[in-house]
């Protein structure tokens, strides 16, 4: 088994608290509306907190039908969360999981 690390930084005019909320707690409502050409629905087992399973169903015509994530950590005070992609999507039959760590930080201009 190998490990690959990839870092990516992006900026946004949206405040960290609002982005964090849109990507976590409100994702089942926000993403099908914000990206209707990609996300058909999001199903959450319990609530989007540590240990929960989140299934993202994609619209027909995309390369993947769905992806399942298991939430690893969810810290509303620091606007950070982590999750593992455990089924579907780009995993195929070669990868066991893909782990993600996300943190939204304030920028000088009030965005993230």
PDB file of N, CA and C in Angstrom:
ATOM      1  N   UNK A   1       0.851  -1.174   0.000  1.00  0.00           N
ATOM      2  CA  UNK A   1       0.000   0.000   0.000  1.00  0.00           C
ATOM      3  C   UNK A   1       0.896   1.237   0.000  1.00  0.00           C
ATOM      4  N   UNK A   2       0.553   2.216  -0.796  1.00  0.00           N
ATOM      5  CA  UNK A   2       1.311   3.444  -0.878  1.00  0.00           C
ATOM      6  C   UNK A   2       0.516   4.619  -0.350  1.00  0.00           C
ATOM      7  N   UNK A   3       1.231   5.685  -0.071  1.00  0.00           N
ATOM      8  CA  UNK A   3       0.598   6.911   0.409  1.00  0.00           C
ATOM      9  C   UNK A   3       1.007   8.046  -0.508  1.00  0.00           C
ATOM     10  N   UNK A   4       0.049   8.817  -0.943  1.00  0.00           N
ATOM     11  CA  UNK A   4       0.305   9.988  -1.765  1.00  0.00           C
ATOM     12  C   UNK A   4      -0.285  11.188  -1.051  1.00  0.00           C
ATOM     13  N   UNK A   5       0.469  12.256  -0.932  1.00  0.00           N
ATOM     14  CA  UNK A   5      -0.021  13.473  -0.293  1.00  0.00           C
ATOM     15  C   UNK A   5      -0.118  14.569  -1.332  1.00  0.00           C
ATOM     16  N   UNK A   6      -1.208  15.294  -1.270  1.00  0.00           N
ATOM     17  CA  UNK A   6      -1.444  16.375  -2.214  1.00  0.00           C
ATOM     18  C   UNK A   6      -2.008  17.553  -1.440  1.00  0.00           C
ATOM     19  N   UNK A   7      -1.400  18.700  -1.574  1.00  0.00           N
ATOM     20  CA  UNK A   7      -1.889  19.914  -0.917  1.00  0.00           C
ATOM     21  C   UNK A   7      -2.447  20.852  -1.983  1.00  0.00           C
ATOM     22  N   UNK A   8      -3.551  21.468  -1.648  1.00  0.00           N
ATOM     23  CA  UNK A   8      -4.188  22.405  -2.569  1.00  0.00           C
ATOM     24  C   UNK A   8      -4.719  23.580  -1.766  1.00  0.00           C
ATOM     25  N   UNK A   9      -4.461  24.774  -2.232  1.00  0.00           N
ATOM     26  CA  UNK A   9      -4.946  25.974  -1.556  1.00  0.00           C
ATOM     27  C   UNK A   9      -5.786  26.778  -2.537  1.00  0.00           C
ATOM     28  N   UNK A  10      -6.905  27.257  -2.049  1.00  0.00           N
ATOM     29  CA  UNK A  10      -7.813  28.027  -2.887  1.00  0.00           C
ATOM     30  C   UNK A  10      -8.310  29.218  -2.077  1.00  0.00           C
ATOM     31  N   UNK A  11      -8.628  30.301  -2.749  1.00  0.00           N
ATOM     32  CA  UNK A  11      -9.173  31.464  -2.048  1.00  0.00           C
ATOM     33  C   UNK A  11     -10.609  31.693  -2.482  1.00  0.00           C
ATOM     34  N   UNK A  12     -11.367  32.337  -1.607  1.00  0.00           N
ATOM     35  CA  UNK A  12     -12.773  32.610  -1.886  1.00  0.00           C
ATOM     36  C   UNK A  12     -13.169  33.908  -1.190  1.00  0.00           C
ATOM     37  N   UNK A  13     -14.073  34.666  -1.782  1.00  0.00           N
ATOM     38  CA  UNK A  13     -14.560  35.871  -1.113  1.00  0.00           C
ATOM     39  C   UNK A  13     -15.561  35.547   0.001  1.00  0.00           C
ATOM     40  N   UNK A  14     -15.924  34.284   0.129  1.00  0.00           N
ATOM     41  CA  UNK A  14     -16.901  33.855   1.138  1.00  0.00           C
ATOM     42  C   UNK A  14     -16.196  33.603   2.468  1.00  0.00           C
ATOM     43  N   UNK A  15     -16.800  34.065   3.549  1.00  0.00           N
ATOM     44  CA  UNK A  15     -16.225  33.902   4.881  1.00  0.00           C
ATOM     45  C   UNK A  15     -16.081  32.429   5.260  1.00  0.00           C
ATOM     46  N   UNK A  16     -15.060  32.067   6.059  1.00  0.00           N
ATOM     47  CA  UNK A  16     -14.822  30.668   6.425  1.00  0.00           C
ATOM     48  C   UNK A  16     -16.021  29.985   7.079  1.00  0.00           C
ATOM     49  N   UNK A  17     -16.710  30.667   7.975  1.00  0.00           N
ATOM     50  CA  UNK A  17     -17.849  30.052   8.662  1.00  0.00           C
ATOM     51  C   UNK A  17     -18.943  29.655   7.673  1.00  0.00           C
ATOM     52  N   UNK A  18     -19.182  30.493   6.708  1.00  0.00           N
ATOM     53  CA  UNK A  18     -20.241  30.217   5.725  1.00  0.00           C
ATOM     54  C   UNK A  18     -19.842  29.068   4.792  1.00  0.00           C
ATOM     55  N   UNK A  19     -18.577  29.060   4.349  1.00  0.00           N
ATOM     56  CA  UNK A  19     -18.105  27.965   3.496  1.00  0.00           C
ATOM     57  C   UNK A  19     -18.134  26.642   4.246  1.00  0.00           C
ATOM     58  N   UNK A  20     -17.663  26.656   5.479  1.00  0.00           N
ATOM     59  CA  UNK A  20     -17.648  25.438   6.295  1.00  0.00           C
ATOM     60  C   UNK A  20     -19.055  24.856   6.409  1.00  0.00           C
ATOM     61  N   UNK A  21     -20.001  25.713   6.698  1.00  0.00           N
ATOM     62  CA  UNK A  21     -21.391  25.281   6.853  1.00  0.00           C
ATOM     63  C   UNK A  21     -21.938  24.690   5.542  1.00  0.00           C
ATOM     64  N   UNK A  22     -21.622  25.332   4.414  1.00  0.00           N
ATOM     65  CA  UNK A  22     -22.101  24.861   3.109  1.00  0.00           C
ATOM     66  C   UNK A  22     -21.494  23.519   2.715  1.00  0.00           C
ATOM     67  N   UNK A  23     -20.257  23.263   3.130  1.00  0.00           N
ATOM     68  CA  UNK A  23     -19.585  22.014   2.774  1.00  0.00           C
ATOM     69  C   UNK A  23     -19.866  20.890   3.756  1.00  0.00           C
ATOM     70  N   UNK A  24     -20.449  21.194   4.908  1.00  0.00           N
ATOM     71  CA  UNK A  24     -20.672  20.153   5.916  1.00  0.00           C
ATOM     72  C   UNK A  24     -22.147  20.043   6.273  1.00  0.00           C
ATOM     73  N   UNK A  25     -22.579  20.811   7.230  1.00  0.00           N
ATOM     74  CA  UNK A  25     -23.926  20.689   7.785  1.00  0.00           C
ATOM     75  C   UNK A  25     -25.018  20.881   6.745  1.00  0.00           C
ATOM     76  N   UNK A  26     -24.858  21.858   5.870  1.00  0.00           N
ATOM     77  CA  UNK A  26     -25.901  22.164   4.886  1.00  0.00           C
ATOM     78  C   UNK A  26     -25.673  21.520   3.515  1.00  0.00           C
ATOM     79  N   UNK A  27     -24.658  20.695   3.390  1.00  0.00           N
ATOM     80  CA  UNK A  27     -24.340  20.081   2.096  1.00  0.00           C
ATOM     81  C   UNK A  27     -25.519  19.352   1.456  1.00  0.00           C
ATOM     82  N   UNK A  28     -26.296  18.570   2.212  1.00  0.00           N
ATOM     83  CA  UNK A  28     -27.412  17.877   1.561  1.00  0.00           C
ATOM     84  C   UNK A  28     -28.443  18.814   0.923  1.00  0.00           C
ATOM     85  N   UNK A  29     -28.574  20.033   1.447  1.00  0.00           N
ATOM     86  CA  UNK A  29     -29.501  21.003   0.855  1.00  0.00           C
ATOM     87  C   UNK A  29     -28.816  21.862  -0.202  1.00  0.00           C
ATOM     88  N   UNK A  30     -27.578  22.261   0.059  1.00  0.00           N
ATOM     89  CA  UNK A  30     -26.881  23.222  -0.793  1.00  0.00           C
ATOM     90  C   UNK A  30     -26.404  22.631  -2.112  1.00  0.00           C
ATOM     91  N   UNK A  31     -25.723  21.484  -2.086  1.00  0.00           N
ATOM     92  CA  UNK A  31     -25.069  20.992  -3.293  1.00  0.00           C
ATOM     93  C   UNK A  31     -26.003  20.576  -4.417  1.00  0.00           C
ATOM     94  N   UNK A  32     -27.118  19.892  -4.164  1.00  0.00           N
ATOM     95  CA  UNK A  32     -28.010  19.599  -5.301  1.00  0.00           C
ATOM     96  C   UNK A  32     -28.573  20.863  -5.955  1.00  0.00           C
ATOM     97  N   UNK A  33     -28.702  21.938  -5.196  1.00  0.00           N
ATOM     98  CA  UNK A  33     -29.192  23.210  -5.743  1.00  0.00           C
ATOM     99  C   UNK A  33     -28.063  23.994  -6.412  1.00  0.00           C
ATOM    100  N   UNK A  34     -26.888  24.015  -5.773  1.00  0.00           N
ATOM    101  CA  UNK A  34     -25.749  24.776  -6.292  1.00  0.00           C
ATOM    102  C   UNK A  34     -25.109  24.116  -7.514  1.00  0.00           C
ATOM    103  N   UNK A  35     -25.181  22.794  -7.585  1.00  0.00           N
ATOM    104  CA  UNK A  35     -24.558  22.063  -8.696  1.00  0.00           C
ATOM    105  C   UNK A  35     -25.526  21.028  -9.268  1.00  0.00           C
ATOM    106  N   UNK A  36     -26.684  21.461  -9.790  1.00  0.00           N
ATOM    107  CA  UNK A  36     -27.692  20.505 -10.262  1.00  0.00           C
ATOM    108  C   UNK A  36     -27.259  19.687 -11.483  1.00  0.00           C
ATOM    109  N   UNK A  37     -26.249  20.149 -12.194  1.00  0.00           N
ATOM    110  CA  UNK A  37     -25.748  19.398 -13.342  1.00  0.00           C
ATOM    111  C   UNK A  37     -24.795  18.283 -12.931  1.00  0.00           C
ATOM    112  N   UNK A  38     -24.468  18.214 -11.649  1.00  0.00           N
ATOM    113  CA  UNK A  38     -23.554  17.188 -11.162  1.00  0.00           C
ATOM    114  C   UNK A  38     -24.145  16.377 -10.008  1.00  0.00           C
ATOM    115  N   UNK A  39     -24.698  17.039  -9.008  1.00  0.00           N
ATOM    116  CA  UNK A  39     -25.168  16.359  -7.796  1.00  0.00           C
ATOM    117  C   UNK A  39     -26.677  16.181  -7.835  1.00  0.00           C
ATOM    118  N   UNK A  40     -27.090  14.925  -7.825  1.00  0.00           N
ATOM    119  CA  UNK A  40     -28.522  14.605  -7.829  1.00  0.00           C
ATOM    120  C   UNK A  40     -29.087  14.701  -6.407  1.00  0.00           C
ATOM    121  N   UNK A  41     -28.385  14.100  -5.443  1.00  0.00           N
ATOM    122  CA  UNK A  41     -28.836  14.127  -4.054  1.00  0.00           C
ATOM    123  C   UNK A  41     -27.693  13.737  -3.134  1.00  0.00           C
ATOM    124  N   UNK A  42     -27.876  14.053  -1.852  1.00  0.00           N
ATOM    125  CA  UNK A  42     -26.917  13.649  -0.824  1.00  0.00           C
ATOM    126  C   UNK A  42     -27.707  13.007   0.303  1.00  0.00           C
ATOM    127  N   UNK A  43     -27.308  11.793   0.658  1.00  0.00           N
ATOM    128  CA  UNK A  43     -27.950  11.056   1.738  1.00  0.00           C
ATOM    129  C   UNK A  43     -26.978  10.989   2.910  1.00  0.00           C
ATOM    130  N   UNK A  44     -27.482  11.290   4.116  1.00  0.00           N
ATOM    131  CA  UNK A  44     -26.636  11.288   5.299  1.00  0.00           C
ATOM    132  C   UNK A  44     -27.191  10.306   6.323  1.00  0.00           C
ATOM    133  N   UNK A  45     -26.319   9.426   6.799  1.00  0.00           N
ATOM    134  CA  UNK A  45     -26.675   8.511   7.872  1.00  0.00           C
ATOM    135  C   UNK A  45     -26.457   9.266   9.173  1.00  0.00           C
ATOM    136  N   UNK A  46     -27.495   9.525   9.915  1.00  0.00           N
ATOM    137  CA  UNK A  46     -27.464  10.359  11.134  1.00  0.00           C
ATOM    138  C   UNK A  46     -27.254  11.805  10.711  1.00  0.00           C
ATOM    139  N   UNK A  47     -26.241  12.488  11.256  1.00  0.00           N
ATOM    140  CA  UNK A  47     -25.957  13.860  10.846  1.00  0.00           C
ATOM    141  C   UNK A  47     -24.524  13.928  10.349  1.00  0.00           C
ATOM    142  N   UNK A  48     -24.148  14.976   9.626  1.00  0.00           N
ATOM    143  CA  UNK A  48     -22.794  15.024   9.064  1.00  0.00           C
ATOM    144  C   UNK A  48     -21.741  15.338  10.118  1.00  0.00           C
ATOM    145  N   UNK A  49     -21.542  14.411  11.040  1.00  0.00           N
ATOM    146  CA  UNK A  49     -20.519  14.572  12.068  1.00  0.00           C
ATOM    147  C   UNK A  49     -19.632  13.329  12.064  1.00  0.00           C
ATOM    148  N   UNK A  50     -18.663  13.281  12.943  1.00  0.00           N
ATOM    149  CA  UNK A  50     -17.687  12.199  12.975  1.00  0.00           C
ATOM    150  C   UNK A  50     -18.340  10.826  12.965  1.00  0.00           C
ATOM    151  N   UNK A  51     -17.857   9.959  12.067  1.00  0.00           N
ATOM    152  CA  UNK A  51     -18.336   8.597  11.965  1.00  0.00           C
ATOM    153  C   UNK A  51     -19.487   8.396  10.998  1.00  0.00           C
ATOM    154  N   UNK A  52     -20.190   9.433  10.647  1.00  0.00           N
ATOM    155  CA  UNK A  52     -21.337   9.314   9.752  1.00  0.00           C
ATOM    156  C   UNK A  52     -20.896   8.947   8.336  1.00  0.00           C
ATOM    157  N   UNK A  53     -21.796   8.294   7.613  1.00  0.00           N
ATOM    158  CA  UNK A  53     -21.569   7.976   6.212  1.00  0.00           C
ATOM    159  C   UNK A  53     -22.409   8.941   5.373  1.00  0.00           C
ATOM    160  N   UNK A  54     -21.785   9.538   4.370  1.00  0.00           N
ATOM    161  CA  UNK A  54     -22.459  10.471   3.469  1.00  0.00           C
ATOM    162  C   UNK A  54     -22.351   9.900   2.057  1.00  0.00           C
ATOM    163  N   UNK A  55     -23.493   9.719   1.398  1.00  0.00           N
ATOM    164  CA  UNK A  55     -23.509   9.219   0.022  1.00  0.00           C
ATOM    165  C   UNK A  55     -23.932  10.346  -0.902  1.00  0.00           C
ATOM    166  N   UNK A  56     -23.075  10.647  -1.863  1.00  0.00           N
ATOM    167  CA  UNK A  56     -23.357  11.675  -2.862  1.00  0.00           C
ATOM    168  C   UNK A  56     -23.744  10.964  -4.154  1.00  0.00           C
ATOM    169  N   UNK A  57     -24.963  11.187  -4.608  1.00  0.00           N
ATOM    170  CA  UNK A  57     -25.465  10.596  -5.855  1.00  0.00           C
ATOM    171  C   UNK A  57     -25.333  11.624  -6.970  1.00  0.00           C
ATOM    172  N   UNK A  58     -24.731  11.195  -8.090  1.00  0.00           N
ATOM    173  CA  UNK A  58     -24.512  12.094  -9.209  1.00  0.00           C
ATOM    174  C   UNK A  58     -25.573  11.896 -10.287  1.00  0.00           C
ATOM    175  N   UNK A  59     -25.763  12.911 -11.096  1.00  0.00           N
ATOM    176  CA  UNK A  59     -26.722  12.832 -12.200  1.00  0.00           C
ATOM    177  C   UNK A  59     -26.186  11.874 -13.267  1.00  0.00           C
ATOM    178  N   UNK A  60     -27.094  11.369 -14.092  1.00  0.00           N
ATOM    179  CA  UNK A  60     -26.697  10.477 -15.179  1.00  0.00           C
ATOM    180  C   UNK A  60     -25.788  11.215 -16.158  1.00  0.00           C
ATOM    181  N   UNK A  61     -24.849  10.478 -16.736  1.00  0.00           N
ATOM    182  CA  UNK A  61     -23.950  11.053 -17.719  1.00  0.00           C
ATOM    183  C   UNK A  61     -22.579  11.406 -17.159  1.00  0.00           C
ATOM    184  N   UNK A  62     -22.425  11.418 -15.833  1.00  0.00           N
ATOM    185  CA  UNK A  62     -21.113  11.675 -15.236  1.00  0.00           C
ATOM    186  C   UNK A  62     -20.343  10.361 -15.125  1.00  0.00           C
ATOM    187  N   UNK A  63     -19.024  10.420 -14.985  1.00  0.00           N
ATOM    188  CA  UNK A  63     -18.232   9.189 -14.931  1.00  0.00           C
ATOM    189  C   UNK A  63     -18.558   8.279 -13.737  1.00  0.00           C
ATOM    190  N   UNK A  64     -19.092   8.830 -12.645  1.00  0.00           N
ATOM    191  CA  UNK A  64     -19.386   8.039 -11.463  1.00  0.00           C
ATOM    192  C   UNK A  64     -20.850   8.199 -11.090  1.00  0.00           C
ATOM    193  N   UNK A  65     -21.463   7.130 -10.597  1.00  0.00           N
ATOM    194  CA  UNK A  65     -22.852   7.198 -10.159  1.00  0.00           C
ATOM    195  C   UNK A  65     -22.964   7.791  -8.758  1.00  0.00           C
ATOM    196  N   UNK A  66     -21.995   7.465  -7.895  1.00  0.00           N
ATOM    197  CA  UNK A  66     -22.058   7.921  -6.512  1.00  0.00           C
ATOM    198  C   UNK A  66     -20.683   7.834  -5.863  1.00  0.00           C
ATOM    199  N   UNK A  67     -20.566   8.430  -4.685  1.00  0.00           N
ATOM    200  CA  UNK A  67     -19.397   8.302  -3.815  1.00  0.00           C
ATOM    201  C   UNK A  67     -19.902   8.225  -2.384  1.00  0.00           C
ATOM    202  N   UNK A  68     -19.231   7.409  -1.564  1.00  0.00           N
ATOM    203  CA  UNK A  68     -19.546   7.359  -0.141  1.00  0.00           C
ATOM    204  C   UNK A  68     -18.346   7.846   0.650  1.00  0.00           C
ATOM    205  N   UNK A  69     -18.619   8.762   1.569  1.00  0.00           N
ATOM    206  CA  UNK A  69     -17.596   9.304   2.459  1.00  0.00           C
ATOM    207  C   UNK A  69     -17.910   8.882   3.880  1.00  0.00           C
ATOM    208  N   UNK A  70     -16.858   8.644   4.660  1.00  0.00           N
ATOM    209  CA  UNK A  70     -17.030   8.480   6.095  1.00  0.00           C
ATOM    210  C   UNK A  70     -16.361   9.671   6.760  1.00  0.00           C
ATOM    211  N   UNK A  71     -17.152  10.410   7.540  1.00  0.00           N
ATOM    212  CA  UNK A  71     -16.640  11.607   8.195  1.00  0.00           C
ATOM    213  C   UNK A  71     -15.680  11.200   9.306  1.00  0.00           C
ATOM    214  N   UNK A  72     -14.476  11.773   9.290  1.00  0.00           N
ATOM    215  CA  UNK A  72     -13.468  11.454  10.300  1.00  0.00           C
ATOM    216  C   UNK A  72     -13.450  12.462  11.420  1.00  0.00           C
ATOM    217  N   UNK A  73     -13.532  13.719  11.089  1.00  0.00           N
ATOM    218  CA  UNK A  73     -13.499  14.785  12.087  1.00  0.00           C
ATOM    219  C   UNK A  73     -14.308  15.967  11.614  1.00  0.00           C
ATOM    220  N   UNK A  74     -14.853  16.693  12.582  1.00  0.00           N
ATOM    221  CA  UNK A  74     -15.752  17.808  12.255  1.00  0.00           C
ATOM    222  C   UNK A  74     -15.602  18.824  13.381  1.00  0.00           C
ATOM    223  N   UNK A  75     -14.875  19.911  13.134  1.00  0.00           N
ATOM    224  CA  UNK A  75     -14.584  20.900  14.175  1.00  0.00           C
ATOM    225  C   UNK A  75     -15.142  22.258  13.752  1.00  0.00           C
ATOM    226  N   UNK A  76     -16.321  22.586  14.263  1.00  0.00           N
ATOM    227  CA  UNK A  76     -16.976  23.849  13.901  1.00  0.00           C
ATOM    228  C   UNK A  76     -16.226  25.070  14.412  1.00  0.00           C
ATOM    229  N   UNK A  77     -15.486  24.934  15.496  1.00  0.00           N
ATOM    230  CA  UNK A  77     -14.750  26.077  16.053  1.00  0.00           C
ATOM    231  C   UNK A  77     -13.556  26.468  15.201  1.00  0.00           C
ATOM    232  N   UNK A  78     -12.923  25.479  14.568  1.00  0.00           N
ATOM    233  CA  UNK A  78     -11.747  25.750  13.736  1.00  0.00           C
ATOM    234  C   UNK A  78     -12.042  25.641  12.241  1.00  0.00           C
ATOM    235  N   UNK A  79     -13.316  25.442  11.885  1.00  0.00           N
ATOM    236  CA  UNK A  79     -13.737  25.327  10.486  1.00  0.00           C
ATOM    237  C   UNK A  79     -12.930  24.263   9.741  1.00  0.00           C
ATOM    238  N   UNK A  80     -12.769  23.102  10.359  1.00  0.00           N
ATOM    239  CA  UNK A  80     -12.029  22.022   9.717  1.00  0.00           C
ATOM    240  C   UNK A  80     -12.833  20.726   9.780  1.00  0.00           C
ATOM    241  N   UNK A  81     -12.626  19.901   8.797  1.00  0.00           N
ATOM    242  CA  UNK A  81     -13.238  18.585   8.795  1.00  0.00           C
ATOM    243  C   UNK A  81     -12.403  17.649   7.933  1.00  0.00           C
ATOM    244  N   UNK A  82     -12.533  16.367   8.211  1.00  0.00           N
ATOM    245  CA  UNK A  82     -11.823  15.364   7.440  1.00  0.00           C
ATOM    246  C   UNK A  82     -12.790  14.231   7.115  1.00  0.00           C
ATOM    247  N   UNK A  83     -12.496  13.548   6.025  1.00  0.00           N
ATOM    248  CA  UNK A  83     -13.328  12.422   5.638  1.00  0.00           C
ATOM    249  C   UNK A  83     -12.523  11.489   4.737  1.00  0.00           C
ATOM    250  N   UNK A  84     -12.994  10.248   4.655  1.00  0.00           N
ATOM    251  CA  UNK A  84     -12.399   9.254   3.766  1.00  0.00           C
ATOM    252  C   UNK A  84     -13.417   8.894   2.693  1.00  0.00           C
ATOM    253  N   UNK A  85     -12.976   8.877   1.453  1.00  0.00           N
ATOM    254  CA  UNK A  85     -13.787   8.346   0.371  1.00  0.00           C
ATOM    255  C   UNK A  85     -13.637   6.831   0.468  1.00  0.00           C
ATOM    256  N   UNK A  86     -14.741   6.124   0.763  1.00  0.00           N
ATOM    257  CA  UNK A  86     -14.653   4.695   1.047  1.00  0.00           C
ATOM    258  C   UNK A  86     -15.322   3.806  -0.005  1.00  0.00           C
ATOM    259  N   UNK A  87     -16.097   4.419  -0.908  1.00  0.00           N
ATOM    260  CA  UNK A  87     -16.788   3.608  -1.920  1.00  0.00           C
ATOM    261  C   UNK A  87     -17.185   4.488  -3.098  1.00  0.00           C
ATOM    262  N   UNK A  88     -17.130   3.891  -4.297  1.00  0.00           N
ATOM    263  CA  UNK A  88     -17.576   4.591  -5.493  1.00  0.00           C
ATOM    264  C   UNK A  88     -16.564   5.600  -5.995  1.00  0.00           C
ATOM    265  N   UNK A  89     -17.023   6.440  -6.904  1.00  0.00           N
ATOM    266  CA  UNK A  89     -16.166   7.494  -7.438  1.00  0.00           C
ATOM    267  C   UNK A  89     -14.884   6.959  -8.036  1.00  0.00           C
ATOM    268  N   UNK A  90     -13.781   7.651  -7.813  1.00  0.00           N
ATOM    269  CA  UNK A  90     -12.514   7.280  -8.444  1.00  0.00           C
ATOM    270  C   UNK A  90     -11.791   6.111  -7.775  1.00  0.00           C
ATOM    271  N   UNK A  91     -12.360   5.486  -6.741  1.00  0.00           N
ATOM    272  CA  UNK A  91     -11.668   4.391  -6.066  1.00  0.00           C
ATOM    273  C   UNK A  91     -11.429   3.194  -6.977  1.00  0.00           C
ATOM    274  N   UNK A  92     -12.430   2.839  -7.760  1.00  0.00           N
ATOM    275  CA  UNK A  92     -12.293   1.662  -8.603  1.00  0.00           C
ATOM    276  C   UNK A  92     -11.985   0.436  -7.764  1.00  0.00           C
ATOM    277  N   UNK A  93     -11.209  -0.485  -8.314  1.00  0.00           N
ATOM    278  CA  UNK A  93     -10.847  -1.686  -7.556  1.00  0.00           C
ATOM    279  C   UNK A  93      -9.384  -1.666  -7.126  1.00  0.00           C
ATOM    280  N   UNK A  94      -8.709  -0.554  -7.317  1.00  0.00           N
ATOM    281  CA  UNK A  94      -7.285  -0.453  -6.990  1.00  0.00           C
ATOM    282  C   UNK A  94      -7.002   0.239  -5.654  1.00  0.00           C
ATOM    283  N   UNK A  95      -7.914   1.113  -5.221  1.00  0.00           N
ATOM    284  CA  UNK A  95      -7.682   1.890  -4.014  1.00  0.00           C
ATOM    285  C   UNK A  95      -8.640   1.477  -2.904  1.00  0.00           C
ATOM    286  N   UNK A  96      -8.133   1.459  -1.683  1.00  0.00           N
ATOM    287  CA  UNK A  96      -8.963   1.133  -0.523  1.00  0.00           C
ATOM    288  C   UNK A  96      -9.761   2.349  -0.074  1.00  0.00           C
ATOM    289  N   UNK A  97      -9.097   3.511  -0.036  1.00  0.00           N
ATOM    290  CA  UNK A  97      -9.756   4.750   0.360  1.00  0.00           C
ATOM    291  C   UNK A  97      -8.891   5.927  -0.048  1.00  0.00           C
ATOM    292  N   UNK A  98      -9.512   7.102  -0.060  1.00  0.00           N
ATOM    293  CA  UNK A  98      -8.802   8.367  -0.268  1.00  0.00           C
ATOM    294  C   UNK A  98      -9.196   9.252   0.907  1.00  0.00           C
ATOM    295  N   UNK A  99      -8.207   9.779   1.602  1.00  0.00           N
ATOM    296  CA  UNK A  99      -8.464  10.617   2.780  1.00  0.00           C
ATOM    297  C   UNK A  99      -8.304  12.087   2.443  1.00  0.00           C
ATOM    298  N   UNK A 100      -9.207  12.886   2.988  1.00  0.00           N
ATOM    299  CA  UNK A 100      -9.203  14.333   2.751  1.00  0.00           C
ATOM    300  C   UNK A 100      -9.208  15.064   4.092  1.00  0.00           C
ATOM    301  N   UNK A 101      -8.468  16.147   4.155  1.00  0.00           N
ATOM    302  CA  UNK A 101      -8.498  17.052   5.307  1.00  0.00           C
ATOM    303  C   UNK A 101      -8.727  18.452   4.768  1.00  0.00           C
ATOM    304  N   UNK A 102      -9.714  19.148   5.316  1.00  0.00           N
ATOM    305  CA  UNK A 102     -10.078  20.482   4.838  1.00  0.00           C
ATOM    306  C   UNK A 102     -10.119  21.459   5.995  1.00  0.00           C
ATOM    307  N   UNK A 103      -9.627  22.652   5.740  1.00  0.00           N
ATOM    308  CA  UNK A 103      -9.682  23.706   6.750  1.00  0.00           C
ATOM    309  C   UNK A 103      -9.934  25.031   6.035  1.00  0.00           C
ATOM    310  N   UNK A 104     -10.925  25.751   6.534  1.00  0.00           N
ATOM    311  CA  UNK A 104     -11.245  27.062   5.978  1.00  0.00           C
ATOM    312  C   UNK A 104     -10.674  28.122   6.914  1.00  0.00           C
ATOM    313  N   UNK A 105      -9.811  28.973   6.377  1.00  0.00           N
ATOM    314  CA  UNK A 105      -9.156  30.003   7.176  1.00  0.00           C
ATOM    315  C   UNK A 105      -9.514  31.381   6.652  1.00  0.00           C
ATOM    316  N   UNK A 106      -9.571  32.324   7.567  1.00  0.00           N
ATOM    317  CA  UNK A 106      -9.906  33.696   7.195  1.00  0.00           C
ATOM    318  C   UNK A 106      -8.756  34.337   6.414  1.00  0.00           C
ATOM    319  N   UNK A 107      -9.120  35.115   5.413  1.00  0.00           N
ATOM    320  CA  UNK A 107      -8.156  35.887   4.632  1.00  0.00           C
ATOM    321  C   UNK A 107      -8.254  37.347   5.063  1.00  0.00           C
ATOM    322  N   UNK A 108      -7.260  38.122   4.695  1.00  0.00           N
ATOM    323  CA  UNK A 108      -7.209  39.534   5.088  1.00  0.00           C
ATOM    324  C   UNK A 108      -8.401  40.329   4.560  1.00  0.00           C
ATOM    325  N   UNK A 109      -8.954  39.901   3.421  1.00  0.00           N
ATOM    326  CA  UNK A 109     -10.072  40.639   2.819  1.00  0.00           C
ATOM    327  C   UNK A 109     -11.443  40.212   3.347  1.00  0.00           C
ATOM    328  N   UNK A 110     -11.455  39.334   4.356  1.00  0.00           N
ATOM    329  CA  UNK A 110     -12.717  38.878   4.936  1.00  0.00           C
ATOM    330  C   UNK A 110     -13.214  37.582   4.345  1.00  0.00           C
ATOM    331  N   UNK A 111     -12.598  37.131   3.262  1.00  0.00           N
ATOM    332  CA  UNK A 111     -12.977  35.863   2.648  1.00  0.00           C
ATOM    333  C   UNK A 111     -12.231  34.713   3.277  1.00  0.00           C
ATOM    334  N   UNK A 112     -12.038  33.673   2.495  1.00  0.00           N
ATOM    335  CA  UNK A 112     -11.348  32.475   2.987  1.00  0.00           C
ATOM    336  C   UNK A 112     -10.135  32.183   2.130  1.00  0.00           C
TER     337      UNK A 112
END
